[in-house]
PDB file of N, CA and C in Angstrom:
ATOM      1  N   MET A   1      29.717 -99.330  30.210  1.00  0.00           N
ATOM      2  CA  MET A   1      30.055 -98.450  29.372  1.00  0.00           C
ATOM      3  C   MET A   1      30.303 -99.428  27.837  1.00  0.00           C
ATOM      4  N   ARG A   2      30.146 -98.644  26.958  1.00  0.00           N
ATOM      5  CA  ARG A   2      30.694 -99.075  25.701  1.00  0.00           C
ATOM      6  C   ARG A   2      32.091 -98.868  25.487  1.00  0.00           C
ATOM      7  N   ASP A   3      32.618-100.022  24.606  1.00  0.00           N
ATOM      8  CA  ASP A   3      34.055-100.153  23.983  1.00  0.00           C
ATOM      9  C   ASP A   3      34.376 -98.386  23.288  1.00  0.00           C
ATOM     10  N   PRO A   4      35.515 -98.019  23.982  1.00  0.00           N
ATOM     11  CA  PRO A   4      35.933 -96.636  23.351  1.00  0.00           C
ATOM     12  C   PRO A   4      36.182 -96.697  21.696  1.00  0.00           C
ATOM     13  N   HIS A   5      36.453 -97.980  21.027  1.00  0.00           N
ATOM     14  CA  HIS A   5      36.797 -97.914  20.083  1.00  0.00           C
ATOM     15  C   HIS A   5      35.195 -97.994  18.933  1.00  0.00           C
ATOM     16  N   ASP A   6      34.336 -98.151  19.696  1.00  0.00           N
ATOM     17  CA  ASP A   6      32.900 -98.219  19.129  1.00  0.00           C
ATOM     18  C   ASP A   6      32.505 -96.489  19.002  1.00  0.00           C
ATOM     19  N   ILE A   7      32.656 -95.868  19.892  1.00  0.00           N
ATOM     20  CA  ILE A   7      32.364 -94.471  19.994  1.00  0.00           C
ATOM     21  C   ILE A   7      33.052 -93.546  18.847  1.00  0.00           C
ATOM     22  N   LEU A   8      34.485 -93.716  18.657  1.00  0.00           N
ATOM     23  CA  LEU A   8      35.273 -93.159  17.781  1.00  0.00           C
ATOM     24  C   LEU A   8      35.064 -93.670  16.472  1.00  0.00           C
ATOM     25  N   ILE A   9      34.418 -93.075  15.558  1.00  0.00           N
ATOM     26  CA  ILE A   9      34.296 -93.818  14.349  1.00  0.00           C
ATOM     27  C   ILE A   9      35.626 -93.451  13.288  1.00  0.00           C
ATOM     28  N   ARG A  10      35.599 -92.128  13.212  1.00  0.00           N
ATOM     29  CA  ARG A  10      37.172 -91.924  12.340  1.00  0.00           C
ATOM     30  C   ARG A  10      37.234 -90.567  12.602  1.00  0.00           C
ATOM     31  N   PRO A  11      38.707 -90.124  12.112  1.00  0.00           N
ATOM     32  CA  PRO A  11      39.169 -88.846  12.213  1.00  0.00           C
ATOM     33  C   PRO A  11      38.595 -88.102  11.197  1.00  0.00           C
ATOM     34  N   LEU A  12      38.651 -86.739  11.045  1.00  0.00           N
ATOM     35  CA  LEU A  12      37.878 -85.875  10.161  1.00  0.00           C
ATOM     36  C   LEU A  12      39.098 -84.995   9.588  1.00  0.00           C
ATOM     37  N   LEU A  13      39.489 -85.017   8.306  1.00  0.00           N
ATOM     38  CA  LEU A  13      40.589 -84.272   7.843  1.00  0.00           C
ATOM     39  C   LEU A  13      39.783 -83.111   6.807  1.00  0.00           C
ATOM     40  N   THR A  14      39.853 -81.979   7.143  1.00  0.00           N
ATOM     41  CA  THR A  14      39.355 -80.892   6.034  1.00  0.00           C
ATOM     42  C   THR A  14      40.590 -79.624   6.369  1.00  0.00           C
ATOM     43  N   GLU A  15      40.315 -78.749   5.289  1.00  0.00           N
ATOM     44  CA  GLU A  15      41.219 -77.628   5.404  1.00  0.00           C
ATOM     45  C   GLU A  15      40.950 -76.895   6.714  1.00  0.00           C
ATOM     46  N   LYS A  16      39.572 -76.686   6.820  1.00  0.00           N
ATOM     47  CA  LYS A  16      39.078 -75.481   8.036  1.00  0.00           C
ATOM     48  C   LYS A  16      39.889 -76.538   9.484  1.00  0.00           C
ATOM     49  N   LEU A  17      39.345 -77.743   9.283  1.00  0.00           N
ATOM     50  CA  LEU A  17      39.754 -78.570  10.605  1.00  0.00           C
ATOM     51  C   LEU A  17      41.443 -78.406  10.856  1.00  0.00           C
ATOM     52  N   THR A  18      42.287 -78.297   9.788  1.00  0.00           N
ATOM     53  CA  THR A  18      43.620 -78.500   9.661  1.00  0.00           C
ATOM     54  C   THR A  18      44.363 -76.921  10.485  1.00  0.00           C
ATOM     55  N   GLY A  19      43.408 -75.933   9.729  1.00  0.00           N
ATOM     56  CA  GLY A  19      43.998 -74.875  10.509  1.00  0.00           C
ATOM     57  C   GLY A  19      43.540 -74.738  11.903  1.00  0.00           C
ATOM     58  N   LEU A  20      42.252 -75.082  12.402  1.00  0.00           N
ATOM     59  CA  LEU A  20      41.610 -75.270  13.552  1.00  0.00           C
ATOM     60  C   LEU A  20      42.757 -75.934  14.502  1.00  0.00           C
ATOM     61  N   ARG A  21      43.454 -77.249  14.206  1.00  0.00           N
ATOM     62  CA  ARG A  21      44.373 -78.308  14.511  1.00  0.00           C
ATOM     63  C   ARG A  21      45.596 -76.935  14.972  1.00  0.00           C
ATOM     64  N   GLU A  22      46.074 -76.312  14.171  1.00  0.00           N
ATOM     65  CA  GLU A  22      47.133 -75.536  14.466  1.00  0.00           C
ATOM     66  C   GLU A  22      47.336 -74.481  15.049  1.00  0.00           C
ATOM     67  N   ALA A  23      46.118 -73.794  15.216  1.00  0.00           N
ATOM     68  CA  ALA A  23      45.641 -72.459  15.988  1.00  0.00           C
ATOM     69  C   ALA A  23      45.258 -72.508  17.296  1.00  0.00           C
ATOM     70  N   GLN A  24      44.453 -73.706  17.552  1.00  0.00           N
ATOM     71  CA  GLN A  24      43.761 -74.064  18.728  1.00  0.00           C
ATOM     72  C   GLN A  24      44.062 -75.370  19.538  1.00  0.00           C
ATOM     73  N   ASN A  25      44.693 -76.351  18.663  1.00  0.00           N
ATOM     74  CA  ASN A  25      45.277 -77.599  19.343  1.00  0.00           C
ATOM     75  C   ASN A  25      44.117 -78.352  19.400  1.00  0.00           C
ATOM     76  N   CYS A  26      42.904 -78.337  18.214  1.00  0.00           N
ATOM     77  CA  CYS A  26      41.557 -79.066  18.367  1.00  0.00           C
ATOM     78  C   CYS A  26      41.691 -80.084  17.110  1.00  0.00           C
ATOM     79  N   VAL A  27      41.213 -81.249  17.462  1.00  0.00           N
ATOM     80  CA  VAL A  27      41.060 -82.502  16.304  1.00  0.00           C
ATOM     81  C   VAL A  27      39.529 -82.702  16.304  1.00  0.00           C
ATOM     82  N   ALA A  28      39.008 -83.311  15.430  1.00  0.00           N
ATOM     83  CA  ALA A  28      37.619 -83.635  15.133  1.00  0.00           C
ATOM     84  C   ALA A  28      37.528 -84.932  15.025  1.00  0.00           C
ATOM     85  N   PHE A  29      36.546 -85.358  15.222  1.00  0.00           N
ATOM     86  CA  PHE A  29      36.277 -86.854  14.810  1.00  0.00           C
ATOM     87  C   PHE A  29      34.795 -87.222  14.548  1.00  0.00           C
ATOM     88  N   GLU A  30      34.441 -88.084  13.679  1.00  0.00           N
ATOM     89  CA  GLU A  30      33.060 -88.570  13.598  1.00  0.00           C
ATOM     90  C   GLU A  30      32.633 -89.698  14.688  1.00  0.00           C
ATOM     91  N   VAL A  31      31.661 -89.366  15.278  1.00  0.00           N
ATOM     92  CA  VAL A  31      31.360 -90.114  16.578  1.00  0.00           C
ATOM     93  C   VAL A  31      29.957 -91.080  16.408  1.00  0.00           C
ATOM     94  N   ASP A  32      29.964 -91.862  17.378  1.00  0.00           N
ATOM     95  CA  ASP A  32      28.601 -92.667  17.577  1.00  0.00           C
ATOM     96  C   ASP A  32      27.722 -91.647  18.057  1.00  0.00           C
ATOM     97  N   ARG A  33      26.263 -91.604  17.219  1.00  0.00           N
ATOM     98  CA  ARG A  33      25.451 -90.474  17.553  1.00  0.00           C
ATOM     99  C   ARG A  33      24.851 -90.613  19.021  1.00  0.00           C
ATOM    100  N   ARG A  34      24.737 -91.667  19.427  1.00  0.00           N
ATOM    101  CA  ARG A  34      24.374 -91.933  21.167  1.00  0.00           C
ATOM    102  C   ARG A  34      25.315 -91.204  21.840  1.00  0.00           C
ATOM    103  N   ALA A  35      26.493 -91.315  21.534  1.00  0.00           N
ATOM    104  CA  ALA A  35      27.615 -90.710  22.669  1.00  0.00           C
ATOM    105  C   ALA A  35      27.689 -89.387  22.984  1.00  0.00           C
ATOM    106  N   SER A  36      27.934 -89.381  24.542  1.00  0.00           N
ATOM    107  CA  SER A  36      27.686 -88.068  25.166  1.00  0.00           C
ATOM    108  C   SER A  36      29.224 -87.225  25.253  1.00  0.00           C
ATOM    109  N   ARG A  37      29.232 -86.081  25.590  1.00  0.00           N
ATOM    110  CA  ARG A  37      30.595 -85.450  25.847  1.00  0.00           C
ATOM    111  C   ARG A  37      31.389 -86.289  26.612  1.00  0.00           C
ATOM    112  N   ILE A  38      31.031 -86.788  27.593  1.00  0.00           N
ATOM    113  CA  ILE A  38      31.724 -87.439  28.678  1.00  0.00           C
ATOM    114  C   ILE A  38      32.365 -88.973  28.314  1.00  0.00           C
ATOM    115  N   GLN A  39      31.269 -89.506  27.540  1.00  0.00           N
ATOM    116  CA  GLN A  39      31.770 -90.632  26.827  1.00  0.00           C
ATOM    117  C   GLN A  39      32.809 -90.648  25.424  1.00  0.00           C
ATOM    118  N   ILE A  40      32.945 -89.294  24.767  1.00  0.00           N
ATOM    119  CA  ILE A  40      33.769 -89.094  23.962  1.00  0.00           C
ATOM    120  C   ILE A  40      35.053 -88.732  24.560  1.00  0.00           C
ATOM    121  N   ARG A  41      35.104 -87.727  25.463  1.00  0.00           N
ATOM    122  CA  ARG A  41      36.322 -87.569  26.488  1.00  0.00           C
ATOM    123  C   ARG A  41      37.031 -88.473  26.796  1.00  0.00           C
ATOM    124  N   ARG A  42      36.280 -89.496  27.236  1.00  0.00           N
ATOM    125  CA  ARG A  42      36.825 -91.031  28.034  1.00  0.00           C
ATOM    126  C   ARG A  42      37.598 -91.643  26.695  1.00  0.00           C
ATOM    127  N   ALA A  43      36.885 -91.864  25.694  1.00  0.00           N
ATOM    128  CA  ALA A  43      37.528 -92.676  24.621  1.00  0.00           C
ATOM    129  C   ALA A  43      38.533 -92.056  24.011  1.00  0.00           C
ATOM    130  N   VAL A  44      38.523 -90.696  23.826  1.00  0.00           N
ATOM    131  CA  VAL A  44      39.823 -90.250  23.210  1.00  0.00           C
ATOM    132  C   VAL A  44      41.168 -90.191  24.352  1.00  0.00           C
ATOM    133  N   GLU A  45      40.781 -90.057  25.454  1.00  0.00           N
ATOM    134  CA  GLU A  45      41.701 -90.212  26.339  1.00  0.00           C
ATOM    135  C   GLU A  45      42.185 -91.728  26.417  1.00  0.00           C
ATOM    136  N   GLN A  46      41.673 -92.638  26.402  1.00  0.00           N
ATOM    137  CA  GLN A  46      41.860 -94.236  26.722  1.00  0.00           C
ATOM    138  C   GLN A  46      42.515 -94.492  25.417  1.00  0.00           C
ATOM    139  N   VAL A  47      41.773 -94.276  24.073  1.00  0.00           N
ATOM    140  CA  VAL A  47      42.315 -94.944  22.690  1.00  0.00           C
ATOM    141  C   VAL A  47      43.766 -94.118  22.537  1.00  0.00           C
ATOM    142  N   LEU A  48      43.787 -92.468  22.283  1.00  0.00           N
ATOM    143  CA  LEU A  48      44.760 -91.834  21.848  1.00  0.00           C
ATOM    144  C   LEU A  48      45.713 -91.496  22.752  1.00  0.00           C
ATOM    145  N   LYS A  49      45.750 -91.732  24.225  1.00  0.00           N
ATOM    146  CA  LYS A  49      46.624 -91.642  25.295  1.00  0.00           C
ATOM    147  C   LYS A  49      46.964 -89.973  25.364  1.00  0.00           C
ATOM    148  N   VAL A  50      45.946 -89.257  25.566  1.00  0.00           N
ATOM    149  CA  VAL A  50      46.198 -87.901  25.322  1.00  0.00           C
ATOM    150  C   VAL A  50      45.287 -87.290  26.328  1.00  0.00           C
ATOM    151  N   LYS A  51      45.614 -85.775  26.918  1.00  0.00           N
ATOM    152  CA  LYS A  51      44.613 -85.509  28.023  1.00  0.00           C
ATOM    153  C   LYS A  51      43.696 -84.331  27.346  1.00  0.00           C
ATOM    154  N   VAL A  52      42.502 -84.307  27.401  1.00  0.00           N
ATOM    155  CA  VAL A  52      41.433 -83.713  26.770  1.00  0.00           C
ATOM    156  C   VAL A  52      41.021 -82.323  27.981  1.00  0.00           C
ATOM    157  N   ASP A  53      41.025 -81.058  27.216  1.00  0.00           N
ATOM    158  CA  ASP A  53      40.695 -79.977  27.737  1.00  0.00           C
ATOM    159  C   ASP A  53      39.241 -79.768  27.483  1.00  0.00           C
ATOM    160  N   ALA A  54      38.763 -80.077  26.271  1.00  0.00           N
ATOM    161  CA  ALA A  54      37.146 -79.527  26.248  1.00  0.00           C
ATOM    162  C   ALA A  54      36.657 -80.535  24.928  1.00  0.00           C
ATOM    163  N   VAL A  55      35.328 -80.603  24.920  1.00  0.00           N
ATOM    164  CA  VAL A  55      34.921 -81.355  24.048  1.00  0.00           C
ATOM    165  C   VAL A  55      33.350 -80.505  23.547  1.00  0.00           C
ATOM    166  N   ARG A  56      33.528 -80.277  22.109  1.00  0.00           N
ATOM    167  CA  ARG A  56      32.164 -79.625  21.623  1.00  0.00           C
ATOM    168  C   ARG A  56      31.526 -80.826  20.691  1.00  0.00           C
ATOM    169  N   VAL A  57      30.308 -80.910  20.749  1.00  0.00           N
ATOM    170  CA  VAL A  57      29.536 -81.747  19.826  1.00  0.00           C
ATOM    171  C   VAL A  57      28.839 -80.902  19.075  1.00  0.00           C
ATOM    172  N   ILE A  58      28.633 -81.419  17.861  1.00  0.00           N
ATOM    173  CA  ILE A  58      27.673 -80.827  16.644  1.00  0.00           C
ATOM    174  C   ILE A  58      26.848 -82.113  15.928  1.00  0.00           C
ATOM    175  N   ASN A  59      25.426 -82.005  16.010  1.00  0.00           N
ATOM    176  CA  ASN A  59      24.892 -83.093  15.161  1.00  0.00           C
ATOM    177  C   ASN A  59      24.763 -82.457  13.730  1.00  0.00           C
ATOM    178  N   VAL A  60      25.025 -83.174  12.958  1.00  0.00           N
ATOM    179  CA  VAL A  60      25.144 -83.023  11.477  1.00  0.00           C
ATOM    180  C   VAL A  60      23.794 -83.496  10.747  1.00  0.00           C
ATOM    181  N   LYS A  61      23.129 -82.723  10.069  1.00  0.00           N
ATOM    182  CA  LYS A  61      22.079 -83.240   9.518  1.00  0.00           C
ATOM    183  C   LYS A  61      22.204 -83.938   7.949  1.00  0.00           C
ATOM    184  N   GLY A  62      21.552 -85.037   7.496  1.00  0.00           N
ATOM    185  CA  GLY A  62      21.985 -85.345   6.272  1.00  0.00           C
ATOM    186  C   GLY A  62      21.601 -84.708   5.147  1.00  0.00           C
ATOM    187  N   LYS A  63      22.236 -84.807   4.067  1.00  0.00           N
ATOM    188  CA  LYS A  63      21.807 -83.966   2.842  1.00  0.00           C
ATOM    189  C   LYS A  63      20.847 -84.656   1.999  1.00  0.00           C
ATOM    190  N   GLN A  64      19.889 -84.075   1.302  1.00  0.00           N
ATOM    191  CA  GLN A  64      19.097 -84.539   0.220  1.00  0.00           C
ATOM    192  C   GLN A  64      19.663 -84.737  -0.967  1.00  0.00           C
ATOM    193  N   LYS A  65      19.697 -86.335  -1.356  1.00  0.00           N
ATOM    194  CA  LYS A  65      20.488 -86.498  -2.791  1.00  0.00           C
ATOM    195  C   LYS A  65      19.646 -86.901  -3.685  1.00  0.00           C
ATOM    196  N   ARG A  66      19.895 -86.907  -4.812  1.00  0.00           N
ATOM    197  CA  ARG A  66      19.037 -87.263  -5.813  1.00  0.00           C
ATOM    198  C   ARG A  66      20.098 -88.185  -6.978  1.00  0.00           C
ATOM    199  N   GLN A  67      19.246 -89.391  -7.309  1.00  0.00           N
ATOM    200  CA  GLN A  67      19.886 -90.280  -8.229  1.00  0.00           C
ATOM    201  C   GLN A  67      18.864 -90.549  -9.435  1.00  0.00           C
ATOM    202  N   GLY A  68      18.834 -89.286 -10.563  1.00  0.00           N
ATOM    203  CA  GLY A  68      17.871 -89.638 -11.468  1.00  0.00           C
ATOM    204  C   GLY A  68      16.501 -88.980 -11.133  1.00  0.00           C
ATOM    205  N   ARG A  69      15.529 -89.846 -11.122  1.00  0.00           N
ATOM    206  CA  ARG A  69      14.424 -89.484 -10.549  1.00  0.00           C
ATOM    207  C   ARG A  69      14.041 -89.797  -9.124  1.00  0.00           C
ATOM    208  N   TYR A  70      14.985 -90.317  -8.440  1.00  0.00           N
ATOM    209  CA  TYR A  70      14.610 -90.920  -7.119  1.00  0.00           C
ATOM    210  C   TYR A  70      15.263 -89.972  -6.072  1.00  0.00           C
ATOM    211  N   MET A  71      14.789 -89.707  -5.246  1.00  0.00           N
ATOM    212  CA  MET A  71      15.114 -88.872  -4.147  1.00  0.00           C
ATOM    213  C   MET A  71      15.663 -89.519  -2.816  1.00  0.00           C
ATOM    214  N   GLY A  72      16.787 -89.412  -2.017  1.00  0.00           N
ATOM    215  CA  GLY A  72      17.081 -89.923  -1.043  1.00  0.00           C
ATOM    216  C   GLY A  72      17.823 -88.989   0.016  1.00  0.00           C
ATOM    217  N   TRP A  73      17.940 -89.442   1.187  1.00  0.00           N
ATOM    218  CA  TRP A  73      18.738 -88.772   1.976  1.00  0.00           C
ATOM    219  C   TRP A  73      20.043 -89.406   2.799  1.00  0.00           C
ATOM    220  N   ARG A  74      21.010 -88.636   2.841  1.00  0.00           N
ATOM    221  CA  ARG A  74      22.201 -89.299   3.248  1.00  0.00           C
ATOM    222  C   ARG A  74      21.864 -89.327   4.889  1.00  0.00           C
ATOM    223  N   PRO A  75      22.690 -90.095   5.687  1.00  0.00           N
ATOM    224  CA  PRO A  75      22.168 -90.262   7.039  1.00  0.00           C
ATOM    225  C   PRO A  75      22.761 -89.161   7.979  1.00  0.00           C
ATOM    226  N   ASP A  76      22.148 -88.950   9.258  1.00  0.00           N
ATOM    227  CA  ASP A  76      22.720 -87.922   9.917  1.00  0.00           C
ATOM    228  C   ASP A  76      23.910 -88.493  10.889  1.00  0.00           C
ATOM    229  N   TRP A  77      24.681 -87.661  11.461  1.00  0.00           N
ATOM    230  CA  TRP A  77      25.845 -88.284  11.938  1.00  0.00           C
ATOM    231  C   TRP A  77      26.507 -87.149  12.928  1.00  0.00           C
ATOM    232  N   LYS A  78      27.199 -87.392  14.039  1.00  0.00           N
ATOM    233  CA  LYS A  78      27.527 -86.520  14.905  1.00  0.00           C
ATOM    234  C   LYS A  78      29.267 -86.275  14.822  1.00  0.00           C
ATOM    235  N   LYS A  79      29.558 -84.832  14.890  1.00  0.00           N
ATOM    236  CA  LYS A  79      30.765 -84.312  14.817  1.00  0.00           C
ATOM    237  C   LYS A  79      31.419 -84.145  16.184  1.00  0.00           C
ATOM    238  N   ALA A  80      32.316 -84.385  16.643  1.00  0.00           N
ATOM    239  CA  ALA A  80      33.078 -84.042  17.997  1.00  0.00           C
ATOM    240  C   ALA A  80      34.154 -83.231  17.787  1.00  0.00           C
ATOM    241  N   LEU A  81      34.393 -81.887  18.193  1.00  0.00           N
ATOM    242  CA  LEU A  81      35.630 -81.185  18.130  1.00  0.00           C
ATOM    243  C   LEU A  81      36.406 -81.321  19.621  1.00  0.00           C
ATOM    244  N   VAL A  82      37.412 -81.868  19.689  1.00  0.00           N
ATOM    245  CA  VAL A  82      38.120 -82.321  20.880  1.00  0.00           C
ATOM    246  C   VAL A  82      39.452 -81.227  21.079  1.00  0.00           C
ATOM    247  N   THR A  83      39.386 -80.448  22.233  1.00  0.00           N
ATOM    248  CA  THR A  83      40.461 -79.483  22.290  1.00  0.00           C
ATOM    249  C   THR A  83      41.336 -80.605  23.210  1.00  0.00           C
ATOM    250  N   LEU A  84      42.798 -80.512  22.749  1.00  0.00           N
ATOM    251  CA  LEU A  84      43.671 -81.023  23.881  1.00  0.00           C
ATOM    252  C   LEU A  84      44.231 -79.976  24.636  1.00  0.00           C
ATOM    253  N   LYS A  85      44.632 -80.620  26.015  1.00  0.00           N
ATOM    254  CA  LYS A  85      45.103 -79.612  27.014  1.00  0.00           C
ATOM    255  C   LYS A  85      46.845 -79.219  26.176  1.00  0.00           C
ATOM    256  N   GLU A  86      47.237 -78.285  26.904  1.00  0.00           N
ATOM    257  CA  GLU A  86      48.573 -77.104  26.557  1.00  0.00           C
ATOM    258  C   GLU A  86      49.610 -78.464  26.569  1.00  0.00           C
ATOM    259  N   GLY A  87      50.412 -78.373  25.537  1.00  0.00           N
ATOM    260  CA  GLY A  87      51.277 -79.386  25.531  1.00  0.00           C
ATOM    261  C   GLY A  87      51.072 -80.661  25.016  1.00  0.00           C
ATOM    262  N   GLU A  88      49.629 -80.966  24.992  1.00  0.00           N
ATOM    263  CA  GLU A  88      49.619 -82.377  24.255  1.00  0.00           C
ATOM    264  C   GLU A  88      49.508 -82.199  22.738  1.00  0.00           C
ATOM    265  N   LYS A  89      49.877 -83.354  22.215  1.00  0.00           N
ATOM    266  CA  LYS A  89      50.217 -83.656  20.821  1.00  0.00           C
ATOM    267  C   LYS A  89      49.678 -84.919  20.292  1.00  0.00           C
ATOM    268  N   LEU A  90      48.910 -84.794  19.257  1.00  0.00           N
ATOM    269  CA  LEU A  90      48.319 -85.828  18.682  1.00  0.00           C
ATOM    270  C   LEU A  90      48.782 -86.393  17.366  1.00  0.00           C
ATOM    271  N   ASP A  91      49.799 -87.733  17.074  1.00  0.00           N
ATOM    272  CA  ASP A  91      50.616 -87.953  16.204  1.00  0.00           C
ATOM    273  C   ASP A  91      49.763 -88.536  14.986  1.00  0.00           C
ATOM    274  N   LEU A  92      48.328 -88.714  15.096  1.00  0.00           N
ATOM    275  CA  LEU A  92      47.493 -89.203  14.196  1.00  0.00           C
ATOM    276  C   LEU A  92      47.572 -88.628  13.067  1.00  0.00           C
ATOM    277  N   TYR A  93      47.542 -87.074  12.944  1.00  0.00           N
ATOM    278  CA  TYR A  93      47.381 -86.526  11.510  1.00  0.00           C
ATOM    279  C   TYR A  93      48.834 -86.360  11.016  1.00  0.00           C
ATOM    280  N   GLU A  94      49.830 -86.558  11.953  1.00  0.00           N
ATOM    281  CA  GLU A  94      51.294 -86.363  11.073  1.00  0.00           C
ATOM    282  C   GLU A  94      51.549 -86.936  10.061  1.00  0.00           C
ATOM    283  N   SER A  95      52.006 -86.624   8.839  1.00  0.00           N
ATOM    284  CA  SER A  95      52.364 -87.321   7.672  1.00  0.00           C
ATOM    285  C   SER A  95      53.820 -87.927   7.797  1.00  0.00           C
ATOM    286  N   ALA A  96      54.358 -88.965   7.222  1.00  0.00           N
ATOM    287  CA  ALA A  96      55.611 -89.295   7.305  1.00  0.00           C
ATOM    288  C   ALA A  96      56.528 -88.818   6.237  1.00  0.00           C
TER     289      ALA A  96
END
């Protein structure tokens, strides 16, 4: 098994995800593209010390970008929406 810190790349903070976190107790992470749902669940539980109820995974395609006359692509990445069990709270997003 890989190191859990290698699976979770970074948390995602957007307005839509903030509303989802407040309404459904769901948090989002950018994760390693090779990680499965089970590996993501175990990584979140080990690193953040919370109980996970469900994991939804989305493969995000990279956008085509242009710099002058040169065309290129942003890389593809994987997003994981992690629903926490009832009563669990994640202090990662709370501001001081």
